[in-house]
Amino acid sequence: MGDITADRIAVQDVMSRYAAGVDDRDLGLYRSCFADDVEVVGFGAETFRGGDEWTAYVDQALQAYGATQHMLSPVYATIEGDEANARTDVQALHYMKASEGTTLTLWATYFTKMRRIDGHWKIVRHELVSRGTKIEPPPPSV
């Protein structure tokens, strides 16, 4: 069991590394956030199982975007021993490669369960709950 202040900072740092890893395309940093047996839901119909599977999916999905920016709210975390539950709001801006000048903005909440593994906080379950999306400029009407 750790110091609650240090644990709270460490949990927040996991979410900051998560966003930095995606936006900087540093998939090693991104992968380091996840337990080997992580479960990821809410990013489409499929449930992803395993840090390597999830990171490979993210690597492939990022090919559709130029720059991205994931802006995170302060992390609301409850910590009990070696378990933590975090709620983090996100606004994610994605510049589309296929149509220059088009952006996709996602508003969502991450519900993330973490566990202390070998002294480090790791994501063991990660869920995205979408609050809305906006594409600018809007696609042409058909």
N, C-alpha and C. Protein backbone atom coordinates (compact mmCIF):
# COMPACT_ATOMS: atom_id res chain seq x y z
N MET A 1 0.85 -1.17 0.00
CA MET A 1 0.00 0.00 0.00
C MET A 1 0.89 1.24 0.00
N GLY A 2 0.50 2.24 -0.79
CA GLY A 2 1.34 3.43 -0.93
C GLY A 2 0.75 4.64 -0.23
N ASP A 3 1.47 5.71 -0.29
CA ASP A 3 1.04 7.00 0.22
C ASP A 3 -0.07 7.53 -0.70
N ILE A 4 -1.19 7.96 -0.14
CA ILE A 4 -2.35 8.35 -0.95
C ILE A 4 -2.04 9.52 -1.88
N THR A 5 -1.25 10.48 -1.44
CA THR A 5 -0.92 11.61 -2.31
C THR A 5 -0.05 11.15 -3.47
N ALA A 6 0.95 10.34 -3.18
CA ALA A 6 1.81 9.81 -4.24
C ALA A 6 1.01 8.93 -5.20
N ASP A 7 0.09 8.13 -4.66
CA ASP A 7 -0.74 7.28 -5.52
C ASP A 7 -1.63 8.12 -6.43
N ARG A 8 -2.22 9.18 -5.88
CA ARG A 8 -3.09 10.05 -6.68
C ARG A 8 -2.31 10.69 -7.82
N ILE A 9 -1.11 11.16 -7.55
CA ILE A 9 -0.26 11.74 -8.59
C ILE A 9 0.12 10.69 -9.62
N ALA A 10 0.45 9.50 -9.16
CA ALA A 10 0.85 8.42 -10.08
C ALA A 10 -0.30 8.01 -11.00
N VAL A 11 -1.52 7.95 -10.46
CA VAL A 11 -2.69 7.62 -11.28
C VAL A 11 -2.92 8.72 -12.32
N GLN A 12 -2.82 9.97 -11.90
CA GLN A 12 -2.96 11.08 -12.85
C GLN A 12 -1.88 11.01 -13.92
N ASP A 13 -0.66 10.67 -13.53
CA ASP A 13 0.43 10.56 -14.49
C ASP A 13 0.19 9.48 -15.53
N VAL A 14 -0.46 8.40 -15.14
CA VAL A 14 -0.79 7.36 -16.13
C VAL A 14 -1.67 7.95 -17.23
N MET A 15 -2.67 8.73 -16.84
CA MET A 15 -3.56 9.32 -17.84
C MET A 15 -2.83 10.37 -18.68
N SER A 16 -1.91 11.10 -18.07
CA SER A 16 -1.12 12.08 -18.84
C SER A 16 -0.21 11.38 -19.84
N ARG A 17 0.41 10.26 -19.42
CA ARG A 17 1.25 9.48 -20.35
C ARG A 17 0.41 8.89 -21.47
N TYR A 18 -0.81 8.48 -21.15
CA TYR A 18 -1.75 7.94 -22.14
C TYR A 18 -1.97 8.98 -23.25
N ALA A 19 -2.31 10.20 -22.88
CA ALA A 19 -2.57 11.26 -23.87
C ALA A 19 -1.30 11.63 -24.62
N ALA A 20 -0.19 11.78 -23.91
CA ALA A 20 1.08 12.14 -24.56
C ALA A 20 1.52 11.05 -25.52
N GLY A 21 1.37 9.80 -25.13
CA GLY A 21 1.76 8.69 -26.00
C GLY A 21 1.01 8.70 -27.32
N VAL A 22 -0.30 8.94 -27.26
CA VAL A 22 -1.10 9.01 -28.48
C VAL A 22 -0.69 10.22 -29.32
N ASP A 23 -0.68 11.39 -28.71
CA ASP A 23 -0.46 12.62 -29.46
C ASP A 23 0.97 12.74 -30.01
N ASP A 24 1.93 12.18 -29.30
CA ASP A 24 3.32 12.20 -29.77
C ASP A 24 3.67 10.98 -30.62
N ARG A 25 2.70 10.08 -30.77
CA ARG A 25 2.90 8.82 -31.51
C ARG A 25 4.05 8.01 -30.90
N ASP A 26 4.14 8.07 -29.59
CA ASP A 26 5.13 7.30 -28.84
C ASP A 26 4.42 6.07 -28.30
N LEU A 27 4.35 5.03 -29.13
CA LEU A 27 3.56 3.86 -28.75
C LEU A 27 4.20 3.05 -27.64
N GLY A 28 5.50 3.18 -27.43
CA GLY A 28 6.15 2.55 -26.28
C GLY A 28 5.66 3.17 -24.99
N LEU A 29 5.61 4.51 -24.96
CA LEU A 29 5.09 5.22 -23.80
C LEU A 29 3.62 4.86 -23.58
N TYR A 30 2.85 4.86 -24.66
CA TYR A 30 1.42 4.54 -24.59
C TYR A 30 1.22 3.13 -24.03
N ARG A 31 1.95 2.16 -24.58
CA ARG A 31 1.81 0.75 -24.15
C ARG A 31 2.16 0.58 -22.68
N SER A 32 3.09 1.41 -22.18
CA SER A 32 3.52 1.29 -20.78
C SER A 32 2.40 1.61 -19.79
N CYS A 33 1.33 2.20 -20.26
CA CYS A 33 0.20 2.55 -19.39
C CYS A 33 -0.68 1.36 -19.05
N PHE A 34 -0.57 0.27 -19.81
CA PHE A 34 -1.53 -0.82 -19.73
C PHE A 34 -0.95 -2.10 -19.15
N ALA A 35 -1.79 -2.80 -18.39
CA ALA A 35 -1.45 -4.15 -17.96
C ALA A 35 -1.49 -5.07 -19.18
N ASP A 36 -0.78 -6.16 -19.11
CA ASP A 36 -0.75 -7.10 -20.23
C ASP A 36 -2.14 -7.63 -20.55
N ASP A 37 -3.02 -7.76 -19.54
CA ASP A 37 -4.35 -8.34 -19.74
C ASP A 37 -5.46 -7.29 -19.72
N VAL A 38 -5.15 -6.04 -20.09
CA VAL A 38 -6.13 -4.97 -20.07
C VAL A 38 -7.35 -5.31 -20.93
N GLU A 39 -8.50 -4.80 -20.51
CA GLU A 39 -9.73 -4.89 -21.30
C GLU A 39 -10.11 -3.46 -21.67
N VAL A 40 -10.36 -3.22 -22.97
CA VAL A 40 -10.70 -1.89 -23.46
C VAL A 40 -12.04 -1.97 -24.19
N VAL A 41 -12.97 -1.10 -23.78
CA VAL A 41 -14.31 -1.09 -24.37
C VAL A 41 -14.72 0.33 -24.73
N GLY A 42 -15.68 0.44 -25.67
CA GLY A 42 -16.25 1.72 -26.02
C GLY A 42 -15.61 2.40 -27.21
N PHE A 43 -14.59 1.80 -27.78
CA PHE A 43 -13.92 2.36 -28.96
C PHE A 43 -14.42 1.60 -30.19
N GLY A 44 -15.73 1.56 -30.38
CA GLY A 44 -16.35 0.77 -31.43
C GLY A 44 -17.03 -0.45 -30.81
N ALA A 45 -17.47 -1.36 -31.66
CA ALA A 45 -18.24 -2.51 -31.20
C ALA A 45 -17.38 -3.57 -30.53
N GLU A 46 -16.12 -3.62 -30.87
CA GLU A 46 -15.24 -4.68 -30.40
C GLU A 46 -14.70 -4.39 -29.00
N THR A 47 -14.55 -5.44 -28.20
CA THR A 47 -13.83 -5.35 -26.93
C THR A 47 -12.41 -5.83 -27.19
N PHE A 48 -11.45 -5.05 -26.75
CA PHE A 48 -10.04 -5.40 -26.95
C PHE A 48 -9.51 -6.00 -25.66
N ARG A 49 -8.72 -7.07 -25.80
CA ARG A 49 -8.15 -7.75 -24.65
C ARG A 49 -6.64 -7.88 -24.85
N GLY A 50 -5.92 -7.24 -23.96
CA GLY A 50 -4.47 -7.32 -24.00
C GLY A 50 -3.84 -6.02 -24.46
N GLY A 51 -2.78 -5.62 -23.76
CA GLY A 51 -2.10 -4.37 -24.06
C GLY A 51 -1.49 -4.34 -25.45
N ASP A 52 -0.94 -5.46 -25.90
CA ASP A 52 -0.34 -5.50 -27.23
C ASP A 52 -1.40 -5.37 -28.32
N GLU A 53 -2.52 -6.09 -28.15
CA GLU A 53 -3.62 -6.02 -29.12
C GLU A 53 -4.17 -4.59 -29.19
N TRP A 54 -4.38 -3.99 -28.03
CA TRP A 54 -4.95 -2.63 -28.00
C TRP A 54 -3.99 -1.63 -28.64
N THR A 55 -2.71 -1.71 -28.31
CA THR A 55 -1.73 -0.77 -28.85
C THR A 55 -1.61 -0.93 -30.36
N ALA A 56 -1.66 -2.16 -30.86
CA ALA A 56 -1.61 -2.38 -32.31
C ALA A 56 -2.83 -1.76 -32.99
N TYR A 57 -4.00 -1.89 -32.38
CA TYR A 57 -5.21 -1.28 -32.93
C TYR A 57 -5.06 0.24 -32.98
N VAL A 58 -4.58 0.85 -31.90
CA VAL A 58 -4.42 2.30 -31.85
C VAL A 58 -3.42 2.75 -32.91
N ASP A 59 -2.32 2.03 -33.05
CA ASP A 59 -1.31 2.36 -34.07
C ASP A 59 -1.95 2.39 -35.45
N GLN A 60 -2.76 1.40 -35.76
CA GLN A 60 -3.44 1.33 -37.07
C GLN A 60 -4.46 2.44 -37.20
N ALA A 61 -5.24 2.69 -36.16
CA ALA A 61 -6.29 3.72 -36.22
C ALA A 61 -5.70 5.11 -36.40
N LEU A 62 -4.55 5.37 -35.83
CA LEU A 62 -3.92 6.68 -35.93
C LEU A 62 -3.47 7.01 -37.35
N GLN A 63 -3.40 6.02 -38.22
CA GLN A 63 -2.99 6.26 -39.60
C GLN A 63 -3.96 7.18 -40.33
N ALA A 64 -5.20 7.26 -39.86
CA ALA A 64 -6.21 8.11 -40.50
C ALA A 64 -6.05 9.59 -40.14
N TYR A 65 -5.20 9.88 -39.15
CA TYR A 65 -5.11 11.24 -38.64
C TYR A 65 -3.70 11.82 -38.81
N GLY A 66 -3.68 13.14 -39.00
CA GLY A 66 -2.43 13.86 -38.86
C GLY A 66 -2.24 14.09 -37.37
N ALA A 67 -2.17 15.32 -36.97
CA ALA A 67 -2.00 15.65 -35.55
C ALA A 67 -3.27 15.34 -34.77
N THR A 68 -3.08 14.97 -33.52
CA THR A 68 -4.18 14.82 -32.57
C THR A 68 -3.81 15.55 -31.29
N GLN A 69 -4.83 15.94 -30.52
CA GLN A 69 -4.57 16.53 -29.22
C GLN A 69 -5.67 16.07 -28.27
N HIS A 70 -5.27 15.35 -27.24
CA HIS A 70 -6.19 14.86 -26.21
C HIS A 70 -6.04 15.75 -24.98
N MET A 71 -7.04 16.57 -24.74
CA MET A 71 -7.03 17.47 -23.58
C MET A 71 -7.84 16.82 -22.48
N LEU A 72 -7.20 16.57 -21.35
CA LEU A 72 -7.81 15.85 -20.24
C LEU A 72 -8.18 16.77 -19.11
N SER A 73 -9.31 16.47 -18.48
CA SER A 73 -9.69 17.18 -17.27
C SER A 73 -8.82 16.67 -16.12
N PRO A 74 -8.90 17.34 -14.99
CA PRO A 74 -8.28 16.72 -13.81
C PRO A 74 -8.89 15.33 -13.60
N VAL A 75 -8.08 14.42 -13.12
CA VAL A 75 -8.51 13.04 -12.91
C VAL A 75 -9.18 12.94 -11.55
N TYR A 76 -10.43 12.45 -11.56
CA TYR A 76 -11.13 12.18 -10.31
C TYR A 76 -10.87 10.71 -10.00
N ALA A 77 -10.15 10.43 -8.93
CA ALA A 77 -9.76 9.05 -8.63
C ALA A 77 -10.15 8.66 -7.22
N THR A 78 -10.60 7.42 -7.09
CA THR A 78 -10.77 6.81 -5.78
C THR A 78 -9.74 5.68 -5.72
N ILE A 79 -9.03 5.65 -4.62
CA ILE A 79 -7.94 4.69 -4.48
C ILE A 79 -8.14 3.92 -3.19
N GLU A 80 -8.09 2.59 -3.33
CA GLU A 80 -8.18 1.71 -2.16
C GLU A 80 -7.08 0.68 -2.29
N GLY A 81 -6.03 0.86 -1.50
CA GLY A 81 -4.91 -0.07 -1.55
C GLY A 81 -4.24 -0.06 -2.91
N ASP A 82 -4.26 -1.20 -3.57
CA ASP A 82 -3.61 -1.35 -4.87
C ASP A 82 -4.59 -1.27 -6.04
N GLU A 83 -5.78 -0.75 -5.79
CA GLU A 83 -6.81 -0.59 -6.82
C GLU A 83 -7.22 0.88 -6.91
N ALA A 84 -7.46 1.35 -8.12
CA ALA A 84 -7.90 2.73 -8.32
C ALA A 84 -8.95 2.76 -9.43
N ASN A 85 -9.91 3.65 -9.27
CA ASN A 85 -10.89 3.94 -10.30
C ASN A 85 -10.77 5.42 -10.63
N ALA A 86 -10.63 5.71 -11.92
CA ALA A 86 -10.43 7.09 -12.35
C ALA A 86 -11.50 7.48 -13.36
N ARG A 87 -11.95 8.72 -13.24
CA ARG A 87 -12.88 9.32 -14.20
C ARG A 87 -12.18 10.53 -14.78
N THR A 88 -12.04 10.55 -16.11
CA THR A 88 -11.32 11.63 -16.77
C THR A 88 -12.13 12.08 -17.97
N ASP A 89 -12.51 13.35 -18.01
CA ASP A 89 -13.16 13.89 -19.20
C ASP A 89 -12.09 14.23 -20.22
N VAL A 90 -12.44 14.08 -21.49
CA VAL A 90 -11.48 14.32 -22.57
C VAL A 90 -12.17 15.06 -23.71
N GLN A 91 -11.44 15.99 -24.29
CA GLN A 91 -11.81 16.58 -25.57
C GLN A 91 -10.65 16.26 -26.49
N ALA A 92 -10.92 15.50 -27.54
CA ALA A 92 -9.86 15.04 -28.44
C ALA A 92 -10.09 15.60 -29.83
N LEU A 93 -9.10 16.34 -30.30
CA LEU A 93 -9.13 16.95 -31.62
C LEU A 93 -8.29 16.10 -32.56
N HIS A 94 -8.87 15.74 -33.71
CA HIS A 94 -8.19 14.89 -34.70
C HIS A 94 -8.20 15.59 -36.05
N TYR A 95 -7.03 15.83 -36.61
CA TYR A 95 -6.94 16.38 -37.96
C TYR A 95 -6.95 15.23 -38.95
N MET A 96 -7.92 15.22 -39.85
CA MET A 96 -8.12 14.11 -40.78
C MET A 96 -7.12 14.20 -41.94
N LYS A 97 -6.48 13.08 -42.26
CA LYS A 97 -5.55 13.05 -43.40
C LYS A 97 -6.30 13.03 -44.73
N ALA A 98 -7.43 12.33 -44.78
CA ALA A 98 -8.14 12.11 -46.04
C ALA A 98 -8.71 13.39 -46.64
N SER A 99 -9.09 14.33 -45.80
CA SER A 99 -9.66 15.57 -46.31
C SER A 99 -9.02 16.74 -45.56
N GLU A 100 -8.03 17.32 -46.19
CA GLU A 100 -7.27 18.40 -45.56
C GLU A 100 -8.20 19.50 -45.08
N GLY A 101 -7.94 19.99 -43.89
CA GLY A 101 -8.75 21.06 -43.33
C GLY A 101 -9.95 20.56 -42.54
N THR A 102 -10.16 19.26 -42.51
CA THR A 102 -11.29 18.70 -41.77
C THR A 102 -10.80 18.20 -40.41
N THR A 103 -11.55 18.53 -39.38
CA THR A 103 -11.23 18.06 -38.05
C THR A 103 -12.41 17.30 -37.46
N LEU A 104 -12.07 16.33 -36.64
CA LEU A 104 -13.06 15.58 -35.86
C LEU A 104 -12.77 15.88 -34.41
N THR A 105 -13.78 16.37 -33.69
CA THR A 105 -13.64 16.61 -32.27
C THR A 105 -14.54 15.63 -31.54
N LEU A 106 -13.97 14.98 -30.53
CA LEU A 106 -14.69 14.03 -29.69
C LEU A 106 -14.73 14.58 -28.28
N TRP A 107 -15.92 14.56 -27.68
CA TRP A 107 -16.08 14.85 -26.26
C TRP A 107 -16.47 13.54 -25.62
N ALA A 108 -15.77 13.16 -24.55
CA ALA A 108 -16.02 11.86 -23.95
C ALA A 108 -15.55 11.84 -22.50
N THR A 109 -15.85 10.73 -21.85
CA THR A 109 -15.35 10.46 -20.51
C THR A 109 -14.69 9.09 -20.53
N TYR A 110 -13.49 9.04 -19.94
CA TYR A 110 -12.80 7.76 -19.74
C TYR A 110 -13.12 7.29 -18.32
N PHE A 111 -13.57 6.05 -18.21
CA PHE A 111 -13.71 5.37 -16.92
C PHE A 111 -12.63 4.30 -16.90
N THR A 112 -11.67 4.47 -16.02
CA THR A 112 -10.45 3.67 -16.07
C THR A 112 -10.19 3.02 -14.72
N LYS A 113 -10.03 1.71 -14.74
CA LYS A 113 -9.66 0.97 -13.54
C LYS A 113 -8.17 0.68 -13.63
N MET A 114 -7.46 0.94 -12.54
CA MET A 114 -6.01 0.69 -12.49
C MET A 114 -5.68 -0.22 -11.32
N ARG A 115 -4.55 -0.87 -11.46
CA ARG A 115 -4.04 -1.72 -10.39
C ARG A 115 -2.54 -1.48 -10.27
N ARG A 116 -2.06 -1.51 -9.04
CA ARG A 116 -0.61 -1.41 -8.84
C ARG A 116 -0.02 -2.79 -9.15
N ILE A 117 0.84 -2.84 -10.15
CA ILE A 117 1.48 -4.08 -10.58
C ILE A 117 2.98 -3.87 -10.52
N ASP A 118 3.66 -4.69 -9.74
CA ASP A 118 5.12 -4.56 -9.58
C ASP A 118 5.52 -3.13 -9.22
N GLY A 119 4.72 -2.48 -8.38
CA GLY A 119 5.04 -1.14 -7.91
C GLY A 119 4.62 -0.01 -8.83
N HIS A 120 3.99 -0.31 -9.98
CA HIS A 120 3.58 0.72 -10.94
C HIS A 120 2.08 0.61 -11.21
N TRP A 121 1.44 1.78 -11.32
CA TRP A 121 0.02 1.79 -11.67
C TRP A 121 -0.14 1.49 -13.15
N LYS A 122 -1.03 0.54 -13.46
CA LYS A 122 -1.31 0.12 -14.84
C LYS A 122 -2.83 0.09 -15.04
N ILE A 123 -3.25 0.43 -16.24
CA ILE A 123 -4.66 0.35 -16.60
C ILE A 123 -5.03 -1.11 -16.83
N VAL A 124 -6.07 -1.58 -16.11
CA VAL A 124 -6.54 -2.95 -16.29
C VAL A 124 -7.89 -3.00 -17.00
N ARG A 125 -8.62 -1.89 -16.98
CA ARG A 125 -9.87 -1.77 -17.75
C ARG A 125 -10.03 -0.31 -18.11
N HIS A 126 -10.36 -0.08 -19.39
CA HIS A 126 -10.47 1.29 -19.88
C HIS A 126 -11.73 1.36 -20.74
N GLU A 127 -12.60 2.31 -20.40
CA GLU A 127 -13.85 2.46 -21.14
C GLU A 127 -14.02 3.90 -21.59
N LEU A 128 -14.39 4.05 -22.85
CA LEU A 128 -14.71 5.36 -23.41
C LEU A 128 -16.22 5.48 -23.50
N VAL A 129 -16.76 6.56 -22.92
CA VAL A 129 -18.18 6.88 -23.06
C VAL A 129 -18.24 8.18 -23.84
N SER A 130 -18.70 8.10 -25.09
CA SER A 130 -18.76 9.27 -25.95
C SER A 130 -19.89 10.19 -25.50
N ARG A 131 -19.59 11.49 -25.48
CA ARG A 131 -20.60 12.50 -25.15
C ARG A 131 -21.05 13.24 -26.41
N GLY A 132 -20.26 13.09 -27.49
CA GLY A 132 -20.63 13.73 -28.74
C GLY A 132 -19.41 13.90 -29.64
N THR A 133 -19.68 14.11 -30.92
CA THR A 133 -18.63 14.36 -31.89
C THR A 133 -19.07 15.48 -32.81
N LYS A 134 -18.08 16.12 -33.43
CA LYS A 134 -18.37 17.18 -34.40
C LYS A 134 -17.30 17.12 -35.47
N ILE A 135 -17.73 17.16 -36.72
CA ILE A 135 -16.80 17.21 -37.85
C ILE A 135 -16.91 18.60 -38.46
N GLU A 136 -15.76 19.26 -38.63
CA GLU A 136 -15.74 20.59 -39.23
C GLU A 136 -14.75 20.61 -40.39
N PRO A 137 -15.02 21.17 -41.52
CA PRO A 137 -16.38 21.61 -41.85
C PRO A 137 -17.30 20.40 -41.99
N PRO A 138 -18.60 20.62 -41.82
CA PRO A 138 -19.54 19.49 -41.93
C PRO A 138 -19.45 18.85 -43.32
N PRO A 139 -19.66 17.53 -43.38
CA PRO A 139 -19.66 16.89 -44.69
C PRO A 139 -20.77 17.45 -45.57
N PRO A 140 -20.57 17.46 -46.91
CA PRO A 140 -21.63 17.98 -47.79
C PRO A 140 -22.90 17.16 -47.67
N SER A 141 -24.04 17.83 -47.80
CA SER A 141 -25.33 17.13 -47.78
C SER A 141 -25.49 16.34 -49.07
N VAL A 142 -26.17 15.22 -48.94
CA VAL A 142 -26.42 14.36 -50.10
C VAL A 142 -27.77 14.63 -50.68
